[in-house]
PDB file of N, CA and C in Angstrom:
ATOM      1  N   MET A   1       0.844  -1.165   0.000  1.00  0.00           N
ATOM      2  CA  MET A   1       0.000   0.000   0.000  1.00  0.00           C
ATOM      3  C   MET A   1       0.886   1.223   0.000  1.00  0.00           C
ATOM      4  N   ILE A   2       0.518   2.179  -0.822  1.00  0.00           N
ATOM      5  CA  ILE A   2       1.221   3.456  -0.805  1.00  0.00           C
ATOM      6  C   ILE A   2       0.200   4.575  -0.681  1.00  0.00           C
ATOM      7  N   GLU A   3       0.631   5.673  -0.081  1.00  0.00           N
ATOM      8  CA  GLU A   3      -0.240   6.833   0.065  1.00  0.00           C
ATOM      9  C   GLU A   3       0.358   8.003  -0.685  1.00  0.00           C
ATOM     10  N   LEU A   4      -0.487   8.644  -1.472  1.00  0.00           N
ATOM     11  CA  LEU A   4      -0.114   9.841  -2.207  1.00  0.00           C
ATOM     12  C   LEU A   4      -0.759  11.035  -1.516  1.00  0.00           C
ATOM     13  N   VAL A   5       0.033  12.085  -1.276  1.00  0.00           N
ATOM     14  CA  VAL A   5      -0.452  13.278  -0.597  1.00  0.00           C
ATOM     15  C   VAL A   5       0.044  14.492  -1.374  1.00  0.00           C
ATOM     16  N   GLY A   6      -0.801  15.512  -1.476  1.00  0.00           N
ATOM     17  CA  GLY A   6      -0.370  16.772  -2.083  1.00  0.00           C
ATOM     18  C   GLY A   6      -0.594  16.833  -3.582  1.00  0.00           C
ATOM     19  N   ASN A   7       0.115  17.765  -4.215  1.00  0.00           N
ATOM     20  CA  ASN A   7      -0.057  18.079  -5.625  1.00  0.00           C
ATOM     21  C   ASN A   7       0.713  17.105  -6.514  1.00  0.00           C
ATOM     22  N   HIS A   8      -0.003  16.401  -7.365  1.00  0.00           N
ATOM     23  CA  HIS A   8       0.603  15.483  -8.334  1.00  0.00           C
ATOM     24  C   HIS A   8       0.239  15.881  -9.763  1.00  0.00           C
ATOM     25  N   MET A   9      -0.211  17.133  -9.920  1.00  0.00           N
ATOM     26  CA  MET A   9      -0.550  17.648 -11.247  1.00  0.00           C
ATOM     27  C   MET A   9       0.744  17.914 -12.017  1.00  0.00           C
ATOM     28  N   PRO A  10       0.829  17.426 -13.248  1.00  0.00           N
ATOM     29  CA  PRO A  10       2.011  17.744 -14.045  1.00  0.00           C
ATOM     30  C   PRO A  10       1.977  19.215 -14.460  1.00  0.00           C
ATOM     31  N   SER A  11       3.065  19.912 -14.225  1.00  0.00           N
ATOM     32  CA  SER A  11       3.171  21.308 -14.627  1.00  0.00           C
ATOM     33  C   SER A  11       4.642  21.713 -14.589  1.00  0.00           C
ATOM     34  N   PRO A  12       4.992  22.808 -15.267  1.00  0.00           N
ATOM     35  CA  PRO A  12       6.389  23.259 -15.234  1.00  0.00           C
ATOM     36  C   PRO A  12       6.873  23.595 -13.827  1.00  0.00           C
ATOM     37  N   SER A  13       5.961  24.061 -12.946  1.00  0.00           N
ATOM     38  CA  SER A  13       6.374  24.427 -11.590  1.00  0.00           C
ATOM     39  C   SER A  13       6.411  23.239 -10.635  1.00  0.00           C
ATOM     40  N   ASN A  14       5.821  22.124 -11.036  1.00  0.00           N
ATOM     41  CA  ASN A  14       5.806  20.935 -10.180  1.00  0.00           C
ATOM     42  C   ASN A  14       6.636  19.850 -10.857  1.00  0.00           C
ATOM     43  N   THR A  15       7.923  19.867 -10.598  1.00  0.00           N
ATOM     44  CA  THR A  15       8.827  18.903 -11.223  1.00  0.00           C
ATOM     45  C   THR A  15       9.088  17.698 -10.331  1.00  0.00           C
ATOM     46  N   THR A  16       8.547  17.706  -9.132  1.00  0.00           N
ATOM     47  CA  THR A  16       8.721  16.587  -8.211  1.00  0.00           C
ATOM     48  C   THR A  16       7.834  15.427  -8.648  1.00  0.00           C
ATOM     49  N   LYS A  17       8.427  14.292  -8.843  1.00  0.00           N
ATOM     50  CA  LYS A  17       7.678  13.097  -9.224  1.00  0.00           C
ATOM     51  C   LYS A  17       7.656  12.156  -8.021  1.00  0.00           C
ATOM     52  N   SER A  18       6.604  12.226  -7.242  1.00  0.00           N
ATOM     53  CA  SER A  18       6.483  11.361  -6.075  1.00  0.00           C
ATOM     54  C   SER A  18       5.649  10.142  -6.419  1.00  0.00           C
ATOM     55  N   SER A  19       6.153   8.980  -6.081  1.00  0.00           N
ATOM     56  CA  SER A  19       5.373   7.765  -6.293  1.00  0.00           C
ATOM     57  C   SER A  19       4.651   7.354  -5.013  1.00  0.00           C
ATOM     58  N   GLY A  20       4.736   8.203  -3.996  1.00  0.00           N
ATOM     59  CA  GLY A  20       4.042   7.932  -2.749  1.00  0.00           C
ATOM     60  C   GLY A  20       4.949   7.326  -1.695  1.00  0.00           C
ATOM     61  N   ALA A  21       4.397   7.167  -0.520  1.00  0.00           N
ATOM     62  CA  ALA A  21       5.129   6.603   0.606  1.00  0.00           C
ATOM     63  C   ALA A  21       4.397   5.363   1.105  1.00  0.00           C
ATOM     64  N   ALA A  22       5.155   4.421   1.622  1.00  0.00           N
ATOM     65  CA  ALA A  22       4.561   3.204   2.177  1.00  0.00           C
ATOM     66  C   ALA A  22       3.538   3.587   3.245  1.00  0.00           C
ATOM     67  N   ALA A  23       2.409   2.888   3.241  1.00  0.00           N
ATOM     68  CA  ALA A  23       1.325   3.198   4.176  1.00  0.00           C
ATOM     69  C   ALA A  23       1.018   1.983   5.036  1.00  0.00           C
ATOM     70  N   ARG A  24       0.938   2.215   6.318  1.00  0.00           N
ATOM     71  CA  ARG A  24       0.549   1.163   7.261  1.00  0.00           C
ATOM     72  C   ARG A  24      -0.933   1.342   7.572  1.00  0.00           C
ATOM     73  N   ARG A  25      -1.746   0.394   7.132  1.00  0.00           N
ATOM     74  CA  ARG A  25      -3.189   0.497   7.287  1.00  0.00           C
ATOM     75  C   ARG A  25      -3.793  -0.887   7.495  1.00  0.00           C
ATOM     76  N   THR A  26      -5.040  -0.897   7.928  1.00  0.00           N
ATOM     77  CA  THR A  26      -5.826  -2.122   7.997  1.00  0.00           C
ATOM     78  C   THR A  26      -6.583  -2.255   6.688  1.00  0.00           C
ATOM     79  N   LEU A  27      -6.516  -3.441   6.133  1.00  0.00           N
ATOM     80  CA  LEU A  27      -7.181  -3.749   4.876  1.00  0.00           C
ATOM     81  C   LEU A  27      -8.299  -4.738   5.159  1.00  0.00           C
ATOM     82  N   GLY A  28      -9.498  -4.426   4.695  1.00  0.00           N
ATOM     83  CA  GLY A  28     -10.629  -5.335   4.822  1.00  0.00           C
ATOM     84  C   GLY A  28     -10.865  -6.040   3.503  1.00  0.00           C
ATOM     85  N   ILE A  29     -10.951  -7.349   3.548  1.00  0.00           N
ATOM     86  CA  ILE A  29     -11.259  -8.142   2.365  1.00  0.00           C
ATOM     87  C   ILE A  29     -12.708  -8.587   2.507  1.00  0.00           C
ATOM     88  N   PHE A  30     -13.536  -8.154   1.567  1.00  0.00           N
ATOM     89  CA  PHE A  30     -14.972  -8.416   1.607  1.00  0.00           C
ATOM     90  C   PHE A  30     -15.387  -9.261   0.419  1.00  0.00           C
ATOM     91  N   GLU A  31     -16.548  -9.886   0.530  1.00  0.00           N
ATOM     92  CA  GLU A  31     -17.162 -10.485  -0.650  1.00  0.00           C
ATOM     93  C   GLU A  31     -17.221  -9.393  -1.713  1.00  0.00           C
ATOM     94  N   LEU A  32     -17.198  -9.778  -2.976  1.00  0.00           N
ATOM     95  CA  LEU A  32     -17.263  -8.789  -4.044  1.00  0.00           C
ATOM     96  C   LEU A  32     -18.434  -7.849  -3.778  1.00  0.00           C
ATOM     97  N   THR A  33     -18.136  -6.565  -3.710  1.00  0.00           N
ATOM     98  CA  THR A  33     -19.106  -5.555  -3.300  1.00  0.00           C
ATOM     99  C   THR A  33     -19.374  -4.586  -4.433  1.00  0.00           C
ATOM    100  N   LYS A  34     -20.636  -4.384  -4.717  1.00  0.00           N
ATOM    101  CA  LYS A  34     -21.049  -3.388  -5.707  1.00  0.00           C
ATOM    102  C   LYS A  34     -21.348  -2.074  -4.993  1.00  0.00           C
ATOM    103  N   GLU A  35     -21.250  -1.006  -5.739  1.00  0.00           N
ATOM    104  CA  GLU A  35     -21.484   0.317  -5.167  1.00  0.00           C
ATOM    105  C   GLU A  35     -22.870   0.420  -4.518  1.00  0.00           C
ATOM    106  N   ASN A  36     -23.870  -0.252  -5.103  1.00  0.00           N
ATOM    107  CA  ASN A  36     -25.222  -0.176  -4.538  1.00  0.00           C
ATOM    108  C   ASN A  36     -25.396  -1.052  -3.290  1.00  0.00           C
ATOM    109  N   GLN A  37     -24.328  -1.708  -2.838  1.00  0.00           N
ATOM    110  CA  GLN A  37     -24.364  -2.497  -1.609  1.00  0.00           C
ATOM    111  C   GLN A  37     -23.683  -1.759  -0.459  1.00  0.00           C
ATOM    112  N   THR A  38     -23.528  -0.448  -0.625  1.00  0.00           N
ATOM    113  CA  THR A  38     -22.889   0.388   0.387  1.00  0.00           C
ATOM    114  C   THR A  38     -23.691   1.671   0.543  1.00  0.00           C
ATOM    115  N   GLU A  39     -23.303   2.454   1.528  1.00  0.00           N
ATOM    116  CA  GLU A  39     -23.778   3.825   1.636  1.00  0.00           C
ATOM    117  C   GLU A  39     -22.576   4.723   1.393  1.00  0.00           C
ATOM    118  N   PRO A  40     -22.770   5.850   0.682  1.00  0.00           N
ATOM    119  CA  PRO A  40     -21.640   6.748   0.450  1.00  0.00           C
ATOM    120  C   PRO A  40     -21.122   7.312   1.759  1.00  0.00           C
ATOM    121  N   GLY A  41     -19.819   7.508   1.810  1.00  0.00           N
ATOM    122  CA  GLY A  41     -19.185   8.110   2.977  1.00  0.00           C
ATOM    123  C   GLY A  41     -19.092   9.618   2.832  1.00  0.00           C
ATOM    124  N   ARG A  42     -18.163  10.198   3.571  1.00  0.00           N
ATOM    125  CA  ARG A  42     -18.043  11.663   3.648  1.00  0.00           C
ATOM    126  C   ARG A  42     -17.634  12.310   2.338  1.00  0.00           C
ATOM    127  N   LYS A  43     -16.918  11.583   1.472  1.00  0.00           N
ATOM    128  CA  LYS A  43     -16.558  12.106   0.153  1.00  0.00           C
ATOM    129  C   LYS A  43     -16.276  10.938  -0.770  1.00  0.00           C
ATOM    130  N   GLY A  44     -16.032  11.239  -2.036  1.00  0.00           N
ATOM    131  CA  GLY A  44     -15.821  10.195  -3.034  1.00  0.00           C
ATOM    132  C   GLY A  44     -14.767   9.183  -2.629  1.00  0.00           C
ATOM    133  N   GLY A  45     -15.047   7.917  -2.870  1.00  0.00           N
ATOM    134  CA  GLY A  45     -14.114   6.848  -2.531  1.00  0.00           C
ATOM    135  C   GLY A  45     -14.297   6.297  -1.130  1.00  0.00           C
ATOM    136  N   PHE A  46     -15.143   6.945  -0.328  1.00  0.00           N
ATOM    137  CA  PHE A  46     -15.386   6.489   1.041  1.00  0.00           C
ATOM    138  C   PHE A  46     -16.754   5.826   1.118  1.00  0.00           C
ATOM    139  N   TYR A  47     -16.814   4.747   1.902  1.00  0.00           N
ATOM    140  CA  TYR A  47     -18.042   3.963   2.021  1.00  0.00           C
ATOM    141  C   TYR A  47     -18.287   3.624   3.483  1.00  0.00           C
ATOM    142  N   LYS A  48     -19.568   3.436   3.798  1.00  0.00           N
ATOM    143  CA  LYS A  48     -19.931   2.967   5.133  1.00  0.00           C
ATOM    144  C   LYS A  48     -21.085   1.991   4.995  1.00  0.00           C
ATOM    145  N   ASN A  49     -21.345   1.266   6.047  1.00  0.00           N
ATOM    146  CA  ASN A  49     -22.439   0.289   6.066  1.00  0.00           C
ATOM    147  C   ASN A  49     -22.384  -0.659   4.869  1.00  0.00           C
ATOM    148  N   LEU A  50     -21.238  -1.326   4.715  1.00  0.00           N
ATOM    149  CA  LEU A  50     -21.112  -2.306   3.638  1.00  0.00           C
ATOM    150  C   LEU A  50     -22.067  -3.458   3.919  1.00  0.00           C
ATOM    151  N   LYS A  51     -22.802  -3.861   2.907  1.00  0.00           N
ATOM    152  CA  LYS A  51     -23.817  -4.900   3.082  1.00  0.00           C
ATOM    153  C   LYS A  51     -23.325  -6.276   2.654  1.00  0.00           C
ATOM    154  N   THR A  52     -22.030  -6.400   2.430  1.00  0.00           N
ATOM    155  CA  THR A  52     -21.433  -7.694   2.113  1.00  0.00           C
ATOM    156  C   THR A  52     -20.615  -8.159   3.308  1.00  0.00           C
ATOM    157  N   ARG A  53     -20.312  -9.436   3.321  1.00  0.00           N
ATOM    158  CA  ARG A  53     -19.605 -10.048   4.457  1.00  0.00           C
ATOM    159  C   ARG A  53     -18.102  -9.781   4.376  1.00  0.00           C
ATOM    160  N   LYS A  54     -17.530  -9.390   5.524  1.00  0.00           N
ATOM    161  CA  LYS A  54     -16.076  -9.246   5.591  1.00  0.00           C
ATOM    162  C   LYS A  54     -15.484 -10.639   5.749  1.00  0.00           C
ATOM    163  N   ILE A  55     -14.547 -10.987   4.870  1.00  0.00           N
ATOM    164  CA  ILE A  55     -13.913 -12.297   4.882  1.00  0.00           C
ATOM    165  C   ILE A  55     -12.725 -12.305   5.848  1.00  0.00           C
ATOM    166  N   LYS A  56     -11.862 -11.294   5.738  1.00  0.00           N
ATOM    167  CA  LYS A  56     -10.669 -11.204   6.582  1.00  0.00           C
ATOM    168  C   LYS A  56     -10.240  -9.752   6.704  1.00  0.00           C
ATOM    169  N   SER A  57      -9.410  -9.490   7.690  1.00  0.00           N
ATOM    170  CA  SER A  57      -8.710  -8.216   7.837  1.00  0.00           C
ATOM    171  C   SER A  57      -7.229  -8.521   7.962  1.00  0.00           C
ATOM    172  N   VAL A  58      -6.418  -7.625   7.449  1.00  0.00           N
ATOM    173  CA  VAL A  58      -4.969  -7.770   7.550  1.00  0.00           C
ATOM    174  C   VAL A  58      -4.372  -6.371   7.646  1.00  0.00           C
ATOM    175  N   CYS A  59      -3.259  -6.245   8.354  1.00  0.00           N
ATOM    176  CA  CYS A  59      -2.569  -4.956   8.453  1.00  0.00           C
ATOM    177  C   CYS A  59      -1.316  -4.998   7.601  1.00  0.00           C
ATOM    178  N   SER A  60      -1.064  -3.909   6.911  1.00  0.00           N
ATOM    179  CA  SER A  60       0.182  -3.826   6.149  1.00  0.00           C
ATOM    180  C   SER A  60       1.315  -3.481   7.117  1.00  0.00           C
ATOM    181  N   GLY A  61       2.515  -3.836   6.739  1.00  0.00           N
ATOM    182  CA  GLY A  61       3.687  -3.516   7.548  1.00  0.00           C
ATOM    183  C   GLY A  61       4.153  -2.091   7.289  1.00  0.00           C
ATOM    184  N   ARG A  62       5.233  -1.692   7.941  1.00  0.00           N
ATOM    185  CA  ARG A  62       5.786  -0.351   7.734  1.00  0.00           C
ATOM    186  C   ARG A  62       6.182  -0.111   6.286  1.00  0.00           C
ATOM    187  N   ASP A  63       6.469  -1.205   5.569  1.00  0.00           N
ATOM    188  CA  ASP A  63       6.846  -1.096   4.159  1.00  0.00           C
ATOM    189  C   ASP A  63       5.629  -1.062   3.243  1.00  0.00           C
ATOM    190  N   GLY A  64       4.429  -1.107   3.823  1.00  0.00           N
ATOM    191  CA  GLY A  64       3.199  -1.066   3.042  1.00  0.00           C
ATOM    192  C   GLY A  64       2.766  -2.410   2.486  1.00  0.00           C
ATOM    193  N   CYS A  65       3.571  -3.455   2.710  1.00  0.00           N
ATOM    194  CA  CYS A  65       3.264  -4.775   2.143  1.00  0.00           C
ATOM    195  C   CYS A  65       2.339  -5.577   3.056  1.00  0.00           C
ATOM    196  N   PHE A  66       1.565  -6.453   2.433  1.00  0.00           N
ATOM    197  CA  PHE A  66       0.676  -7.346   3.168  1.00  0.00           C
ATOM    198  C   PHE A  66       0.541  -8.642   2.384  1.00  0.00           C
ATOM    199  N   ALA A  67       0.152  -9.687   3.074  1.00  0.00           N
ATOM    200  CA  ALA A  67      -0.116 -10.977   2.438  1.00  0.00           C
ATOM    201  C   ALA A  67      -1.246 -11.646   3.203  1.00  0.00           C
ATOM    202  N   VAL A  68      -2.089 -12.346   2.469  1.00  0.00           N
ATOM    203  CA  VAL A  68      -3.217 -13.040   3.094  1.00  0.00           C
ATOM    204  C   VAL A  68      -3.593 -14.225   2.216  1.00  0.00           C
ATOM    205  N   ARG A  69      -3.958 -15.330   2.835  1.00  0.00           N
ATOM    206  CA  ARG A  69      -4.424 -16.504   2.090  1.00  0.00           C
ATOM    207  C   ARG A  69      -5.935 -16.423   1.920  1.00  0.00           C
ATOM    208  N   LEU A  70      -6.360 -16.609   0.677  1.00  0.00           N
ATOM    209  CA  LEU A  70      -7.789 -16.591   0.370  1.00  0.00           C
ATOM    210  C   LEU A  70      -8.129 -17.742  -0.556  1.00  0.00           C
ATOM    211  N   ARG A  71      -9.346 -18.189  -0.472  1.00  0.00           N
ATOM    212  CA  ARG A  71      -9.827 -19.192  -1.422  1.00  0.00           C
ATOM    213  C   ARG A  71      -9.998 -18.527  -2.790  1.00  0.00           C
ATOM    214  N   PRO A  72      -9.940 -19.304  -3.854  1.00  0.00           N
ATOM    215  CA  PRO A  72     -10.183 -18.721  -5.174  1.00  0.00           C
ATOM    216  C   PRO A  72     -11.547 -18.028  -5.203  1.00  0.00           C
ATOM    217  N   GLY A  73     -11.608 -16.892  -5.873  1.00  0.00           N
ATOM    218  CA  GLY A  73     -12.863 -16.159  -5.983  1.00  0.00           C
ATOM    219  C   GLY A  73     -12.641 -14.701  -6.270  1.00  0.00           C
ATOM    220  N   HIS A  74     -13.731 -13.946  -6.234  1.00  0.00           N
ATOM    221  CA  HIS A  74     -13.725 -12.509  -6.484  1.00  0.00           C
ATOM    222  C   HIS A  74     -13.976 -11.796  -5.160  1.00  0.00           C
ATOM    223  N   TYR A  75     -13.153 -10.800  -4.871  1.00  0.00           N
ATOM    224  CA  TYR A  75     -13.229 -10.076  -3.611  1.00  0.00           C
ATOM    225  C   TYR A  75     -13.150  -8.575  -3.861  1.00  0.00           C
ATOM    226  N   SER A  76     -13.567  -7.793  -2.862  1.00  0.00           N
ATOM    227  CA  SER A  76     -13.372  -6.348  -2.854  1.00  0.00           C
ATOM    228  C   SER A  76     -12.439  -6.002  -1.704  1.00  0.00           C
ATOM    229  N   LEU A  77     -11.509  -5.083  -1.970  1.00  0.00           N
ATOM    230  CA  LEU A  77     -10.557  -4.639  -0.954  1.00  0.00           C
ATOM    231  C   LEU A  77     -10.888  -3.215  -0.542  1.00  0.00           C
ATOM    232  N   PHE A  78     -10.907  -2.976   0.764  1.00  0.00           N
ATOM    233  CA  PHE A  78     -11.171  -1.651   1.304  1.00  0.00           C
ATOM    234  C   PHE A  78     -10.119  -1.334   2.364  1.00  0.00           C
ATOM    235  N   VAL A  79      -9.657  -0.097   2.381  1.00  0.00           N
ATOM    236  CA  VAL A  79      -8.712   0.377   3.389  1.00  0.00           C
ATOM    237  C   VAL A  79      -9.507   1.075   4.483  1.00  0.00           C
ATOM    238  N   LYS A  80      -9.212   0.742   5.728  1.00  0.00           N
ATOM    239  CA  LYS A  80      -9.901   1.369   6.864  1.00  0.00           C
ATOM    240  C   LYS A  80      -9.323   2.765   7.081  1.00  0.00           C
ATOM    241  N   GLU A  81     -10.183   3.773   6.993  1.00  0.00           N
ATOM    242  CA  GLU A  81      -9.792   5.171   7.218  1.00  0.00           C
ATOM    243  C   GLU A  81     -10.769   5.747   8.239  1.00  0.00           C
ATOM    244  N   GLY A  82     -10.344   5.823   9.478  1.00  0.00           N
ATOM    245  CA  GLY A  82     -11.240   6.284  10.537  1.00  0.00           C
ATOM    246  C   GLY A  82     -12.371   5.294  10.719  1.00  0.00           C
ATOM    247  N   ASN A  83     -13.609   5.769  10.639  1.00  0.00           N
ATOM    248  CA  ASN A  83     -14.762   4.878  10.816  1.00  0.00           C
ATOM    249  C   ASN A  83     -15.417   4.525   9.477  1.00  0.00           C
ATOM    250  N   GLU A  84     -14.704   4.744   8.381  1.00  0.00           N
ATOM    251  CA  GLU A  84     -15.222   4.417   7.055  1.00  0.00           C
ATOM    252  C   GLU A  84     -14.229   3.534   6.307  1.00  0.00           C
ATOM    253  N   TRP A  85     -14.663   3.037   5.171  1.00  0.00           N
ATOM    254  CA  TRP A  85     -13.826   2.221   4.297  1.00  0.00           C
ATOM    255  C   TRP A  85     -13.521   3.009   3.033  1.00  0.00           C
ATOM    256  N   TYR A  86     -12.283   2.883   2.518  1.00  0.00           N
ATOM    257  CA  TYR A  86     -11.857   3.633   1.339  1.00  0.00           C
ATOM    258  C   TYR A  86     -11.443   2.670   0.231  1.00  0.00           C
ATOM    259  N   ALA A  87     -11.885   2.981  -0.979  1.00  0.00           N
ATOM    260  CA  ALA A  87     -11.449   2.254  -2.177  1.00  0.00           C
ATOM    261  C   ALA A  87     -11.632   3.200  -3.359  1.00  0.00           C
ATOM    262  N   ASN A  88     -10.646   3.281  -4.224  1.00  0.00           N
ATOM    263  CA  ASN A  88     -10.722   4.267  -5.307  1.00  0.00           C
ATOM    264  C   ASN A  88     -10.788   3.632  -6.695  1.00  0.00           C
ATOM    265  N   SER A  89     -11.345   2.449  -6.786  1.00  0.00           N
ATOM    266  CA  SER A  89     -11.461   1.775  -8.076  1.00  0.00           C
ATOM    267  C   SER A  89     -12.825   1.102  -8.178  1.00  0.00           C
ATOM    268  N   ILE A  90     -13.532   1.383  -9.285  1.00  0.00           N
ATOM    269  CA  ILE A  90     -14.836   0.769  -9.528  1.00  0.00           C
ATOM    270  C   ILE A  90     -14.876   0.312 -10.978  1.00  0.00           C
ATOM    271  N   THR A  91     -15.313  -0.918 -11.195  1.00  0.00           N
ATOM    272  CA  THR A  91     -15.435  -1.427 -12.563  1.00  0.00           C
ATOM    273  C   THR A  91     -16.678  -0.839 -13.224  1.00  0.00           C
ATOM    274  N   GLY A  92     -16.800  -1.050 -14.521  1.00  0.00           N
ATOM    275  CA  GLY A  92     -17.981  -0.603 -15.252  1.00  0.00           C
ATOM    276  C   GLY A  92     -19.260  -1.253 -14.764  1.00  0.00           C
ATOM    277  N   ASP A  93     -19.137  -2.415 -14.103  1.00  0.00           N
ATOM    278  CA  ASP A  93     -20.303  -3.117 -13.553  1.00  0.00           C
ATOM    279  C   ASP A  93     -20.632  -2.678 -12.125  1.00  0.00           C
ATOM    280  N   GLY A  94     -19.853  -1.714 -11.589  1.00  0.00           N
ATOM    281  CA  GLY A  94     -20.108  -1.229 -10.238  1.00  0.00           C
ATOM    282  C   GLY A  94     -19.405  -1.994  -9.137  1.00  0.00           C
ATOM    283  N   ASP A  95     -18.501  -2.922  -9.497  1.00  0.00           N
ATOM    284  CA  ASP A  95     -17.741  -3.667  -8.489  1.00  0.00           C
ATOM    285  C   ASP A  95     -16.630  -2.781  -7.931  1.00  0.00           C
ATOM    286  N   ILE A  96     -16.536  -2.710  -6.613  1.00  0.00           N
ATOM    287  CA  ILE A  96     -15.556  -1.855  -5.958  1.00  0.00           C
ATOM    288  C   ILE A  96     -14.264  -2.633  -5.720  1.00  0.00           C
ATOM    289  N   MET A  97     -13.144  -2.066  -6.155  1.00  0.00           N
ATOM    290  CA  MET A  97     -11.782  -2.598  -5.950  1.00  0.00           C
ATOM    291  C   MET A  97     -11.750  -4.119  -6.040  1.00  0.00           C
ATOM    292  N   GLU A  98     -12.159  -4.614  -7.205  1.00  0.00           N
ATOM    293  CA  GLU A  98     -12.245  -6.066  -7.413  1.00  0.00           C
ATOM    294  C   GLU A  98     -10.858  -6.692  -7.555  1.00  0.00           C
ATOM    295  N   VAL A  99     -10.673  -7.805  -6.864  1.00  0.00           N
ATOM    296  CA  VAL A  99      -9.472  -8.626  -6.979  1.00  0.00           C
ATOM    297  C   VAL A  99      -9.920 -10.057  -7.227  1.00  0.00           C
ATOM    298  N   ILE A 100      -9.292 -10.695  -8.210  1.00  0.00           N
ATOM    299  CA  ILE A 100      -9.627 -12.083  -8.538  1.00  0.00           C
ATOM    300  C   ILE A 100      -8.493 -12.978  -8.067  1.00  0.00           C
ATOM    301  N   VAL A 101      -8.813 -13.926  -7.204  1.00  0.00           N
ATOM    302  CA  VAL A 101      -7.843 -14.876  -6.670  1.00  0.00           C
ATOM    303  C   VAL A 101      -8.045 -16.203  -7.402  1.00  0.00           C
ATOM    304  N   LYS A 102      -6.942 -16.724  -7.974  1.00  0.00           N
ATOM    305  CA  LYS A 102      -7.003 -17.993  -8.705  1.00  0.00           C
ATOM    306  C   LYS A 102      -6.257 -19.076  -7.939  1.00  0.00           C
ATOM    307  N   GLU A 103      -6.716 -20.300  -8.090  1.00  0.00           N
ATOM    308  CA  GLU A 103      -6.133 -21.468  -7.422  1.00  0.00           C
ATOM    309  C   GLU A 103      -4.638 -21.566  -7.720  1.00  0.00           C
ATOM    310  N   GLY A 104      -3.812 -21.694  -6.683  1.00  0.00           N
ATOM    311  CA  GLY A 104      -2.385 -21.927  -6.832  1.00  0.00           C
ATOM    312  C   GLY A 104      -1.577 -20.737  -7.326  1.00  0.00           C
ATOM    313  N   GLU A 105      -2.164 -19.558  -7.371  1.00  0.00           N
ATOM    314  CA  GLU A 105      -1.456 -18.369  -7.863  1.00  0.00           C
ATOM    315  C   GLU A 105      -1.371 -17.302  -6.778  1.00  0.00           C
ATOM    316  N   VAL A 106      -0.326 -16.492  -6.865  1.00  0.00           N
ATOM    317  CA  VAL A 106      -0.200 -15.310  -6.025  1.00  0.00           C
ATOM    318  C   VAL A 106      -0.770 -14.146  -6.830  1.00  0.00           C
ATOM    319  N   THR A 107      -1.620 -13.366  -6.224  1.00  0.00           N
ATOM    320  CA  THR A 107      -2.250 -12.235  -6.907  1.00  0.00           C
ATOM    321  C   THR A 107      -1.621 -10.943  -6.409  1.00  0.00           C
ATOM    322  N   PRO A 108      -0.756 -10.319  -7.204  1.00  0.00           N
ATOM    323  CA  PRO A 108      -0.166  -9.049  -6.756  1.00  0.00           C
ATOM    324  C   PRO A 108      -1.193  -7.922  -6.832  1.00  0.00           C
ATOM    325  N   VAL A 109      -1.210  -7.082  -5.815  1.00  0.00           N
ATOM    326  CA  VAL A 109      -2.150  -5.970  -5.750  1.00  0.00           C
ATOM    327  C   VAL A 109      -1.391  -4.739  -5.262  1.00  0.00           C
ATOM    328  N   GLU A 110      -1.576  -3.625  -5.957  1.00  0.00           N
ATOM    329  CA  GLU A 110      -1.022  -2.359  -5.474  1.00  0.00           C
ATOM    330  C   GLU A 110      -2.188  -1.457  -5.105  1.00  0.00           C
ATOM    331  N   ILE A 111      -2.239  -1.069  -3.866  1.00  0.00           N
ATOM    332  CA  ILE A 111      -3.297  -0.188  -3.391  1.00  0.00           C
ATOM    333  C   ILE A 111      -2.702   1.207  -3.234  1.00  0.00           C
ATOM    334  N   ARG A 112      -3.312   2.168  -3.924  1.00  0.00           N
ATOM    335  CA  ARG A 112      -2.870   3.553  -3.886  1.00  0.00           C
ATOM    336  C   ARG A 112      -3.927   4.379  -3.152  1.00  0.00           C
ATOM    337  N   ILE A 113      -3.571   4.830  -1.974  1.00  0.00           N
ATOM    338  CA  ILE A 113      -4.461   5.658  -1.172  1.00  0.00           C
ATOM    339  C   ILE A 113      -4.240   7.101  -1.621  1.00  0.00           C
ATOM    340  N   SER A 114      -5.221   7.640  -2.317  1.00  0.00           N
ATOM    341  CA  SER A 114      -4.990   8.930  -2.976  1.00  0.00           C
ATOM    342  C   SER A 114      -6.008  10.023  -2.602  1.00  0.00           C
ATOM    343  N   HIS A 115      -6.748   9.825  -1.544  1.00  0.00           N
ATOM    344  CA  HIS A 115      -7.793  10.800  -1.212  1.00  0.00           C
ATOM    345  C   HIS A 115      -7.251  12.125  -0.691  1.00  0.00           C
ATOM    346  N   ARG A 116      -5.958  12.192  -0.373  1.00  0.00           N
ATOM    347  CA  ARG A 116      -5.359  13.456   0.057  1.00  0.00           C
ATOM    348  C   ARG A 116      -4.412  14.028  -1.002  1.00  0.00           C
ATOM    349  N   ALA A 117      -4.564  13.527  -2.238  1.00  0.00           N
ATOM    350  CA  ALA A 117      -3.724  13.992  -3.345  1.00  0.00           C
ATOM    351  C   ALA A 117      -4.581  14.722  -4.375  1.00  0.00           C
ATOM    352  N   VAL A 118      -3.931  15.554  -5.169  1.00  0.00           N
ATOM    353  CA  VAL A 118      -4.580  16.276  -6.253  1.00  0.00           C
ATOM    354  C   VAL A 118      -3.901  15.869  -7.546  1.00  0.00           C
ATOM    355  N   PHE A 119      -4.703  15.533  -8.578  1.00  0.00           N
ATOM    356  CA  PHE A 119      -4.155  15.120  -9.875  1.00  0.00           C
ATOM    357  C   PHE A 119      -4.642  16.039 -10.968  1.00  0.00           C
TER     358      PHE A 119
END
């Protein structure tokens, strides 16, 4: 997990290229969740009252990395931010931060926490 903060708009005055900093957060792994199975949170990308079942929780380390064993299937990943859940990716079908886990494979995932960044 990495967190992006501040101005990331490309411009002649902003020559700093930050790829973010490692983020230590709690990650909730839920049954595949559609946008209509939640209530909107305080601003875009934030959700509350998820109506799907939480499968597991895991905390990332200081380096932002995490690992968790899951059965094959489709899941939604949410980052715990205060009393709400954050995810900044939605498919055209309304699935929030979908991850597909396949039998016998490692599924690499990069989570970019960007709610405090400007693009």
